[in-house]
Amino acid sequence: MKITVNGNPADIQAATLPEVLRELGYGDAKVATAVNESFVPAAARAGVTLASGDRLEIVAPRQGG
């Protein structure tokens, strides 16, 4: 299905948010996620299913200053 990830088009096979994160190479990394501009806590990700056209934002913490 086609979704938008961090503003870029992506074609993914997975359907649930945890599966999508693994498919995109995030694995079990500590990241913040939002689907269609709604924050999704890590504990709630398993219950989120993406659909074609959805917008996914993934933010990873960085060190430095």
PDB file of N, CA and C in Angstrom:
ATOM      1  N   MET A   1       0.842  -1.172   0.000  1.00  0.00           N
ATOM      2  CA  MET A   1       0.000   0.000   0.000  1.00  0.00           C
ATOM      3  C   MET A   1       0.886   1.235   0.000  1.00  0.00           C
ATOM      4  N   LYS A   2       0.360   2.321  -0.455  1.00  0.00           N
ATOM      5  CA  LYS A   2       1.109   3.572  -0.521  1.00  0.00           C
ATOM      6  C   LYS A   2       0.722   4.482   0.648  1.00  0.00           C
ATOM      7  N   ILE A   3       1.744   4.879   1.412  1.00  0.00           N
ATOM      8  CA  ILE A   3       1.550   5.820   2.505  1.00  0.00           C
ATOM      9  C   ILE A   3       2.617   6.904   2.381  1.00  0.00           C
ATOM     10  N   THR A   4       2.554   7.890   3.233  1.00  0.00           N
ATOM     11  CA  THR A   4       3.578   8.927   3.289  1.00  0.00           C
ATOM     12  C   THR A   4       4.307   8.777   4.618  1.00  0.00           C
ATOM     13  N   VAL A   5       5.642   8.681   4.554  1.00  0.00           N
ATOM     14  CA  VAL A   5       6.464   8.534   5.751  1.00  0.00           C
ATOM     15  C   VAL A   5       7.389   9.743   5.845  1.00  0.00           C
ATOM     16  N   ASN A   6       7.209  10.523   6.891  1.00  0.00           N
ATOM     17  CA  ASN A   6       8.019  11.733   7.096  1.00  0.00           C
ATOM     18  C   ASN A   6       8.028  12.624   5.850  1.00  0.00           C
ATOM     19  N   GLY A   7       6.880  12.727   5.214  1.00  0.00           N
ATOM     20  CA  GLY A   7       6.734  13.603   4.058  1.00  0.00           C
ATOM     21  C   GLY A   7       7.128  12.991   2.726  1.00  0.00           C
ATOM     22  N   ASN A   8       7.592  11.745   2.733  1.00  0.00           N
ATOM     23  CA  ASN A   8       8.019  11.083   1.501  1.00  0.00           C
ATOM     24  C   ASN A   8       7.117   9.897   1.185  1.00  0.00           C
ATOM     25  N   PRO A   9       6.780   9.699  -0.084  1.00  0.00           N
ATOM     26  CA  PRO A   9       5.942   8.557  -0.449  1.00  0.00           C
ATOM     27  C   PRO A   9       6.682   7.247  -0.189  1.00  0.00           C
ATOM     28  N   ALA A  10       5.947   6.250   0.273  1.00  0.00           N
ATOM     29  CA  ALA A  10       6.521   4.932   0.523  1.00  0.00           C
ATOM     30  C   ALA A  10       5.502   3.865   0.147  1.00  0.00           C
ATOM     31  N   ASP A  11       5.994   2.765  -0.393  1.00  0.00           N
ATOM     32  CA  ASP A  11       5.148   1.624  -0.721  1.00  0.00           C
ATOM     33  C   ASP A  11       5.517   0.515   0.254  1.00  0.00           C
ATOM     34  N   ILE A  12       4.593   0.147   1.120  1.00  0.00           N
ATOM     35  CA  ILE A  12       4.876  -0.837   2.160  1.00  0.00           C
ATOM     36  C   ILE A  12       3.961  -2.047   2.030  1.00  0.00           C
ATOM     37  N   GLN A  13       4.414  -3.161   2.611  1.00  0.00           N
ATOM     38  CA  GLN A  13       3.630  -4.394   2.602  1.00  0.00           C
ATOM     39  C   GLN A  13       2.908  -4.610   3.926  1.00  0.00           C
ATOM     40  N   ALA A  14       3.518  -4.152   5.020  1.00  0.00           N
ATOM     41  CA  ALA A  14       2.968  -4.375   6.362  1.00  0.00           C
ATOM     42  C   ALA A  14       1.689  -3.579   6.567  1.00  0.00           C
ATOM     43  N   ALA A  15       0.910  -3.995   7.561  1.00  0.00           N
ATOM     44  CA  ALA A  15      -0.358  -3.317   7.827  1.00  0.00           C
ATOM     45  C   ALA A  15      -0.396  -2.640   9.195  1.00  0.00           C
ATOM     46  N   THR A  16       0.166  -3.295  10.218  1.00  0.00           N
ATOM     47  CA  THR A  16       0.118  -2.699  11.555  1.00  0.00           C
ATOM     48  C   THR A  16       1.322  -1.794  11.767  1.00  0.00           C
ATOM     49  N   LEU A  17       1.201  -0.852  12.667  1.00  0.00           N
ATOM     50  CA  LEU A  17       2.274   0.102  12.910  1.00  0.00           C
ATOM     51  C   LEU A  17       3.575  -0.577  13.331  1.00  0.00           C
ATOM     52  N   PRO A  18       3.578  -1.548  14.253  1.00  0.00           N
ATOM     53  CA  PRO A  18       4.843  -2.205  14.588  1.00  0.00           C
ATOM     54  C   PRO A  18       5.482  -2.917  13.391  1.00  0.00           C
ATOM     55  N   GLU A  19       4.653  -3.542  12.546  1.00  0.00           N
ATOM     56  CA  GLU A  19       5.178  -4.212  11.352  1.00  0.00           C
ATOM     57  C   GLU A  19       5.774  -3.199  10.377  1.00  0.00           C
ATOM     58  N   VAL A  20       5.118  -2.060  10.224  1.00  0.00           N
ATOM     59  CA  VAL A  20       5.621  -1.014   9.329  1.00  0.00           C
ATOM     60  C   VAL A  20       6.971  -0.495   9.832  1.00  0.00           C
ATOM     61  N   LEU A  21       7.077  -0.266  11.134  1.00  0.00           N
ATOM     62  CA  LEU A  21       8.343   0.210  11.695  1.00  0.00           C
ATOM     63  C   LEU A  21       9.464  -0.795  11.434  1.00  0.00           C
ATOM     64  N   ARG A  22       9.185  -2.088  11.589  1.00  0.00           N
ATOM     65  CA  ARG A  22      10.198  -3.109  11.293  1.00  0.00           C
ATOM     66  C   ARG A  22      10.548  -3.098   9.817  1.00  0.00           C
ATOM     67  N   GLU A  23       9.522  -3.014   8.952  1.00  0.00           N
ATOM     68  CA  GLU A  23       9.762  -3.008   7.508  1.00  0.00           C
ATOM     69  C   GLU A  23      10.628  -1.818   7.090  1.00  0.00           C
ATOM     70  N   LEU A  24      10.449  -0.687   7.747  1.00  0.00           N
ATOM     71  CA  LEU A  24      11.214   0.513   7.418  1.00  0.00           C
ATOM     72  C   LEU A  24      12.596   0.541   8.079  1.00  0.00           C
ATOM     73  N   GLY A  25      12.916  -0.496   8.854  1.00  0.00           N
ATOM     74  CA  GLY A  25      14.243  -0.598   9.437  1.00  0.00           C
ATOM     75  C   GLY A  25      14.402  -0.017  10.827  1.00  0.00           C
ATOM     76  N   TYR A  26      13.299   0.321  11.485  1.00  0.00           N
ATOM     77  CA  TYR A  26      13.377   0.878  12.833  1.00  0.00           C
ATOM     78  C   TYR A  26      13.416  -0.207  13.903  1.00  0.00           C
ATOM     79  N   GLY A  27      12.982  -1.414  13.586  1.00  0.00           N
ATOM     80  CA  GLY A  27      13.002  -2.503  14.546  1.00  0.00           C
ATOM     81  C   GLY A  27      12.352  -2.102  15.853  1.00  0.00           C
ATOM     82  N   ASP A  28      13.104  -2.265  16.941  1.00  0.00           N
ATOM     83  CA  ASP A  28      12.595  -1.910  18.261  1.00  0.00           C
ATOM     84  C   ASP A  28      13.207  -0.604  18.760  1.00  0.00           C
ATOM     85  N   ALA A  29      13.665   0.246  17.845  1.00  0.00           N
ATOM     86  CA  ALA A  29      14.271   1.524  18.226  1.00  0.00           C
ATOM     87  C   ALA A  29      13.273   2.392  18.985  1.00  0.00           C
ATOM     88  N   LYS A  30      13.796   3.213  19.859  1.00  0.00           N
ATOM     89  CA  LYS A  30      12.961   4.159  20.617  1.00  0.00           C
ATOM     90  C   LYS A  30      12.633   5.337  19.700  1.00  0.00           C
ATOM     91  N   VAL A  31      11.410   5.376  19.225  1.00  0.00           N
ATOM     92  CA  VAL A  31      10.968   6.446  18.337  1.00  0.00           C
ATOM     93  C   VAL A  31       9.598   6.935  18.775  1.00  0.00           C
ATOM     94  N   ALA A  32       9.259   8.129  18.371  1.00  0.00           N
ATOM     95  CA  ALA A  32       7.911   8.664  18.561  1.00  0.00           C
ATOM     96  C   ALA A  32       7.184   8.532  17.229  1.00  0.00           C
ATOM     97  N   THR A  33       5.898   8.212  17.284  1.00  0.00           N
ATOM     98  CA  THR A  33       5.138   8.024  16.054  1.00  0.00           C
ATOM     99  C   THR A  33       3.826   8.803  16.083  1.00  0.00           C
ATOM    100  N   ALA A  34       3.423   9.229  14.902  1.00  0.00           N
ATOM    101  CA  ALA A  34       2.121   9.870  14.722  1.00  0.00           C
ATOM    102  C   ALA A  34       1.536   9.365  13.410  1.00  0.00           C
ATOM    103  N   VAL A  35       0.258   9.071  13.420  1.00  0.00           N
ATOM    104  CA  VAL A  35      -0.447   8.646  12.210  1.00  0.00           C
ATOM    105  C   VAL A  35      -1.531   9.674  11.939  1.00  0.00           C
ATOM    106  N   ASN A  36      -1.476  10.249  10.749  1.00  0.00           N
ATOM    107  CA  ASN A  36      -2.437  11.281  10.356  1.00  0.00           C
ATOM    108  C   ASN A  36      -2.518  12.398  11.402  1.00  0.00           C
ATOM    109  N   GLU A  37      -1.340  12.814  11.859  1.00  0.00           N
ATOM    110  CA  GLU A  37      -1.164  13.923  12.792  1.00  0.00           C
ATOM    111  C   GLU A  37      -1.653  13.640  14.207  1.00  0.00           C
ATOM    112  N   SER A  38      -1.918  12.374  14.537  1.00  0.00           N
ATOM    113  CA  SER A  38      -2.307  11.999  15.893  1.00  0.00           C
ATOM    114  C   SER A  38      -1.198  11.154  16.510  1.00  0.00           C
ATOM    115  N   PHE A  39      -0.670  11.609  17.649  1.00  0.00           N
ATOM    116  CA  PHE A  39       0.388  10.889  18.350  1.00  0.00           C
ATOM    117  C   PHE A  39      -0.081   9.491  18.709  1.00  0.00           C
ATOM    118  N   VAL A  40       0.804   8.498  18.501  1.00  0.00           N
ATOM    119  CA  VAL A  40       0.498   7.116  18.870  1.00  0.00           C
ATOM    120  C   VAL A  40       1.549   6.665  19.888  1.00  0.00           C
ATOM    121  N   PRO A  41       1.164   6.506  21.162  1.00  0.00           N
ATOM    122  CA  PRO A  41       2.109   6.030  22.172  1.00  0.00           C
ATOM    123  C   PRO A  41       2.606   4.619  21.838  1.00  0.00           C
ATOM    124  N   ALA A  42       3.814   4.311  22.267  1.00  0.00           N
ATOM    125  CA  ALA A  42       4.401   2.992  21.991  1.00  0.00           C
ATOM    126  C   ALA A  42       3.485   1.862  22.454  1.00  0.00           C
ATOM    127  N   ALA A  43       2.850   2.026  23.598  1.00  0.00           N
ATOM    128  CA  ALA A  43       1.984   0.975  24.141  1.00  0.00           C
ATOM    129  C   ALA A  43       0.738   0.736  23.289  1.00  0.00           C
ATOM    130  N   ALA A  44       0.366   1.691  22.453  1.00  0.00           N
ATOM    131  CA  ALA A  44      -0.850   1.568  21.643  1.00  0.00           C
ATOM    132  C   ALA A  44      -0.576   1.181  20.192  1.00  0.00           C
ATOM    133  N   ARG A  45       0.674   1.071  19.811  1.00  0.00           N
ATOM    134  CA  ARG A  45       1.012   0.820  18.397  1.00  0.00           C
ATOM    135  C   ARG A  45       0.457  -0.480  17.846  1.00  0.00           C
ATOM    136  N   ALA A  46       0.438  -1.527  18.664  1.00  0.00           N
ATOM    137  CA  ALA A  46      -0.025  -2.833  18.181  1.00  0.00           C
ATOM    138  C   ALA A  46      -1.459  -2.776  17.677  1.00  0.00           C
ATOM    139  N   GLY A  47      -2.250  -1.868  18.184  1.00  0.00           N
ATOM    140  CA  GLY A  47      -3.643  -1.764  17.784  1.00  0.00           C
ATOM    141  C   GLY A  47      -3.896  -0.818  16.623  1.00  0.00           C
ATOM    142  N   VAL A  48      -2.819  -0.283  16.024  1.00  0.00           N
ATOM    143  CA  VAL A  48      -2.982   0.681  14.930  1.00  0.00           C
ATOM    144  C   VAL A  48      -2.710  -0.007  13.592  1.00  0.00           C
ATOM    145  N   THR A  49      -3.718   0.004  12.729  1.00  0.00           N
ATOM    146  CA  THR A  49      -3.583  -0.537  11.382  1.00  0.00           C
ATOM    147  C   THR A  49      -3.580   0.631  10.405  1.00  0.00           C
ATOM    148  N   LEU A  50      -2.607   0.627   9.516  1.00  0.00           N
ATOM    149  CA  LEU A  50      -2.500   1.697   8.529  1.00  0.00           C
ATOM    150  C   LEU A  50      -3.299   1.351   7.278  1.00  0.00           C
ATOM    151  N   ALA A  51      -3.732   2.379   6.573  1.00  0.00           N
ATOM    152  CA  ALA A  51      -4.471   2.217   5.323  1.00  0.00           C
ATOM    153  C   ALA A  51      -3.789   3.043   4.243  1.00  0.00           C
ATOM    154  N   SER A  52      -4.020   2.681   3.021  1.00  0.00           N
ATOM    155  CA  SER A  52      -3.444   3.423   1.903  1.00  0.00           C
ATOM    156  C   SER A  52      -3.802   4.902   2.023  1.00  0.00           C
ATOM    157  N   GLY A  53      -2.801   5.749   1.835  1.00  0.00           N
ATOM    158  CA  GLY A  53      -3.015   7.192   1.924  1.00  0.00           C
ATOM    159  C   GLY A  53      -2.705   7.780   3.284  1.00  0.00           C
ATOM    160  N   ASP A  54      -2.487   6.938   4.300  1.00  0.00           N
ATOM    161  CA  ASP A  54      -2.165   7.446   5.635  1.00  0.00           C
ATOM    162  C   ASP A  54      -0.820   8.172   5.632  1.00  0.00           C
ATOM    163  N   ARG A  55      -0.662   9.059   6.619  1.00  0.00           N
ATOM    164  CA  ARG A  55       0.585   9.805   6.803  1.00  0.00           C
ATOM    165  C   ARG A  55       1.194   9.373   8.130  1.00  0.00           C
ATOM    166  N   LEU A  56       2.412   8.863   8.052  1.00  0.00           N
ATOM    167  CA  LEU A  56       3.130   8.391   9.228  1.00  0.00           C
ATOM    168  C   LEU A  56       4.340   9.290   9.461  1.00  0.00           C
ATOM    169  N   GLU A  57       4.464   9.772  10.680  1.00  0.00           N
ATOM    170  CA  GLU A  57       5.638  10.551  11.079  1.00  0.00           C
ATOM    171  C   GLU A  57       6.392   9.738  12.117  1.00  0.00           C
ATOM    172  N   ILE A  58       7.704   9.623  11.921  1.00  0.00           N
ATOM    173  CA  ILE A  58       8.563   8.887  12.840  1.00  0.00           C
ATOM    174  C   ILE A  58       9.676   9.828  13.266  1.00  0.00           C
ATOM    175  N   VAL A  59       9.820  10.022  14.578  1.00  0.00           N
ATOM    176  CA  VAL A  59      10.852  10.911  15.097  1.00  0.00           C
ATOM    177  C   VAL A  59      11.743  10.123  16.041  1.00  0.00           C
ATOM    178  N   ALA A  60      13.047  10.130  15.763  1.00  0.00           N
ATOM    179  CA  ALA A  60      14.011   9.447  16.613  1.00  0.00           C
ATOM    180  C   ALA A  60      14.818  10.490  17.377  1.00  0.00           C
ATOM    181  N   PRO A  61      15.086  10.235  18.662  1.00  0.00           N
ATOM    182  CA  PRO A  61      15.903  11.189  19.437  1.00  0.00           C
ATOM    183  C   PRO A  61      17.340  11.231  18.931  1.00  0.00           C
ATOM    184  N   ARG A  62      17.961  12.388  19.057  1.00  0.00           N
ATOM    185  CA  ARG A  62      19.369  12.560  18.671  1.00  0.00           C
ATOM    186  C   ARG A  62      20.125  13.141  19.835  1.00  0.00           C
ATOM    187  N   GLN A  63      21.401  12.793  19.896  1.00  0.00           N
ATOM    188  CA  GLN A  63      22.256  13.349  20.918  1.00  0.00           C
ATOM    189  C   GLN A  63      23.046  14.507  20.334  1.00  0.00           C
ATOM    190  N   GLY A  64      23.407  15.416  21.152  1.00  0.00           N
ATOM    191  CA  GLY A  64      24.217  16.525  20.671  1.00  0.00           C
ATOM    192  C   GLY A  64      23.566  17.841  21.015  1.00  0.00           C
ATOM    193  N   GLY A  65      24.154  18.885  20.511  1.00  0.00           N
ATOM    194  CA  GLY A  65      23.590  20.177  20.862  1.00  0.00           C
ATOM    195  C   GLY A  65      24.089  21.250  20.062  1.00  0.00           C
TER     196      GLY A  65
END
